[in-house]
Protein backbone atom coordinates (compact mmCIF):
# COMPACT_ATOMS: atom_id res chain seq x y z
CA LEU A 1 0.05 0.05 -0.06
CA ILE A 2 1.47 3.29 -0.87
CA LYS A 3 0.35 6.96 -0.47
CA LEU A 4 -0.07 9.30 -3.58
CA ASN A 5 -0.27 13.02 -3.58
CA ASP A 6 -2.45 14.79 -5.96
CA ILE A 7 -1.05 16.64 -9.01
CA GLU A 8 -2.68 19.87 -9.68
CA THR A 9 -1.65 20.64 -13.27
CA GLU A 10 0.33 18.84 -15.97
CA ASN A 11 3.01 21.39 -15.40
CA ASP A 12 3.73 19.91 -11.92
CA MET A 13 4.85 16.59 -13.53
CA GLU A 14 8.64 16.34 -13.27
CA LEU A 15 11.17 14.04 -14.88
CA TYR A 16 12.65 11.26 -12.80
CA LYS A 17 9.72 11.40 -10.14
CA VAL A 18 7.61 8.29 -9.60
CA TYR A 19 4.00 8.46 -10.62
CA ALA A 20 0.94 6.09 -10.68
CA SER A 21 -1.16 5.67 -13.89
CA TYR A 22 -3.76 3.52 -15.36
CA ASP A 23 -2.96 1.21 -18.33
CA ASP A 24 -5.55 0.36 -20.89
CA ASP A 25 -7.02 -2.39 -18.75
CA ARG A 26 -7.41 -0.07 -15.82
CA ASN A 27 -4.58 -1.77 -13.79
CA ILE A 28 -2.52 0.71 -11.67
CA ILE A 29 1.14 1.05 -12.77
CA VAL A 30 3.83 2.86 -10.65
CA HIS A 31 6.88 3.84 -12.42
CA ARG A 32 9.29 6.64 -12.93
CA LEU A 33 8.71 9.39 -15.49
CA ILE A 34 11.60 9.36 -17.98
CA ASN A 35 10.32 11.39 -20.85
CA ILE A 36 7.78 14.07 -21.68
CA LYS A 37 7.11 14.88 -25.39
CA THR A 38 4.29 16.73 -27.18
CA ASN A 39 2.21 15.33 -30.01
CA GLU A 40 1.00 17.11 -33.16
CA GLU A 41 -2.22 18.31 -31.45
CA GLY A 42 -0.08 19.79 -28.62
CA ALA A 43 -1.06 17.28 -25.78
CA LYS A 44 1.82 15.95 -23.63
CA LEU A 45 2.66 12.28 -23.78
CA TYR A 46 4.61 10.72 -20.90
CA THR A 47 6.86 7.74 -20.95
CA PHE A 48 7.49 5.75 -17.78
CA ARG A 49 9.87 2.92 -16.83
CA GLY A 50 10.09 0.73 -13.88
CA ASP A 51 13.35 1.17 -11.91
CA ALA A 52 14.41 -2.49 -12.50
CA ASN A 53 13.51 -2.63 -16.16
CA SER A 54 15.92 -1.80 -18.94
CA GLY A 55 13.21 -0.25 -21.12
CA SER A 56 9.77 0.91 -21.38
CA GLY A 57 6.89 -1.41 -22.23
CA SER A 58 4.17 -0.49 -24.54
CA PHE A 59 1.76 0.13 -21.75
CA GLU A 60 4.23 2.81 -20.37
CA THR A 61 4.54 4.92 -23.34
CA ASN A 62 2.39 7.85 -24.73
CA ILE A 63 0.50 8.03 -21.54
CA THR A 64 -1.86 10.94 -21.35
CA TYR A 65 -2.42 13.21 -18.24
CA ASP A 66 -5.85 11.97 -17.80
CA LYS A 67 -4.48 8.42 -17.03
CA ILE A 68 -2.19 9.65 -14.31
CA ILE A 69 -3.56 9.29 -10.83
CA GLY A 70 -1.00 10.78 -8.74
CA GLU A 71 2.79 11.33 -7.46
CA TYR A 72 4.14 8.72 -5.17
CA SER A 73 4.77 10.48 -1.74
CA GLY A 74 7.58 8.04 -0.47
CA TYR A 75 5.14 6.39 2.15
CA SER A 76 4.44 2.69 1.78
CA SER A 77 3.16 0.06 4.31
CA VAL A 78 3.95 -3.49 3.39
CA PHE A 79 1.96 -4.96 6.23
CA LEU A 80 -1.11 -2.80 5.67
CA GLY A 81 -1.02 -3.58 2.04
CA LEU A 82 -0.91 -7.38 2.93
CA PHE A 83 -3.79 -6.97 5.31
CA VAL A 84 -5.88 -5.17 2.59
CA LEU A 85 -5.06 -7.91 0.10
CA PHE A 86 -6.03 -10.62 2.66
CA MET A 87 -9.36 -8.83 3.43
CA GLN A 88 -10.23 -8.73 -0.34
CA SER A 89 -9.66 -12.50 -0.63
CA ASN A 90 -12.26 -15.11 -0.13
CA ILE A 91 -10.55 -16.38 3.12
CA GLY A 92 -10.20 -12.87 4.27
CA ILE A 93 -14.02 -12.06 4.04
CA ILE A 94 -14.77 -15.45 5.56
CA SER A 95 -12.32 -14.79 8.43
CA LEU A 96 -13.92 -11.51 8.94
CA VAL A 97 -17.50 -12.93 9.05
CA LEU A 98 -16.61 -15.67 11.42
CA GLY A 99 -14.66 -13.34 13.69
CA ILE A 100 -17.65 -11.18 13.87
CA GLY A 101 -20.07 -14.15 14.33
CA MET A 102 -17.93 -15.42 17.17
CA VAL A 103 -17.95 -12.09 19.10
CA VAL A 104 -21.88 -11.86 18.61
CA ILE A 105 -22.21 -15.52 19.90
CA PHE A 106 -19.94 -14.81 22.82
CA GLU A 107 -21.92 -11.76 23.81
CA ILE A 108 -25.14 -13.56 23.63
CA TYR A 109 -23.91 -16.52 25.86
CA GLN A 110 -22.12 -13.94 28.31
CA GLN A 111 -25.54 -12.26 28.87
CA LYS A 112 -27.11 -15.56 29.65
CA VAL A 113 -24.46 -16.63 32.00
CA ASP A 114 -24.72 -13.26 33.61
CA VAL A 115 -28.44 -13.64 34.17
CA VAL A 116 -27.85 -17.15 35.75
CA ILE A 117 -25.04 -15.81 37.93
CA ASN A 118 -27.25 -12.90 39.12
CA LYS A 119 -30.14 -15.50 39.81
CA ARG A 120 -27.87 -17.70 42.02
CA LYS A 121 -26.57 -14.56 43.77
CA GLU A 122 -30.07 -13.57 44.67
CA GLU A 123 -31.13 -17.12 45.70
CA ILE A 124 -28.03 -17.13 48.00
CA LEU A 125 -28.92 -13.78 49.53
CA GLU A 126 -32.62 -14.82 50.14
CA THR A 127 -31.51 -17.95 52.09
CA LEU A 128 -28.94 -15.87 54.38
């Protein structure tokens, strides 16, 4: 899980900073901006590349500003990201439902036990 900062305008885009953008399948790609060029219509086109990659893929070239989500802030949390992924899985949802169910069942039985204990206390006090 990472934190992104908003980008106010296209002019705020800077070379060699890391940005998140959508590819054609609406997957989020987080890579470094390595080139800015302008096409015939005057629109800026961006080229990105992953730090571990030797070149840019087709999904990283000619990206328009409307596909850019934000700038990477430098904050990331591996454990929170893993938790979110787990909760989006089937076993995560089942675990959440079972956990909530167990708490509800415990509360119901705890109330019944409290009633029985209070009744016994009253009976003992009456016999004294």
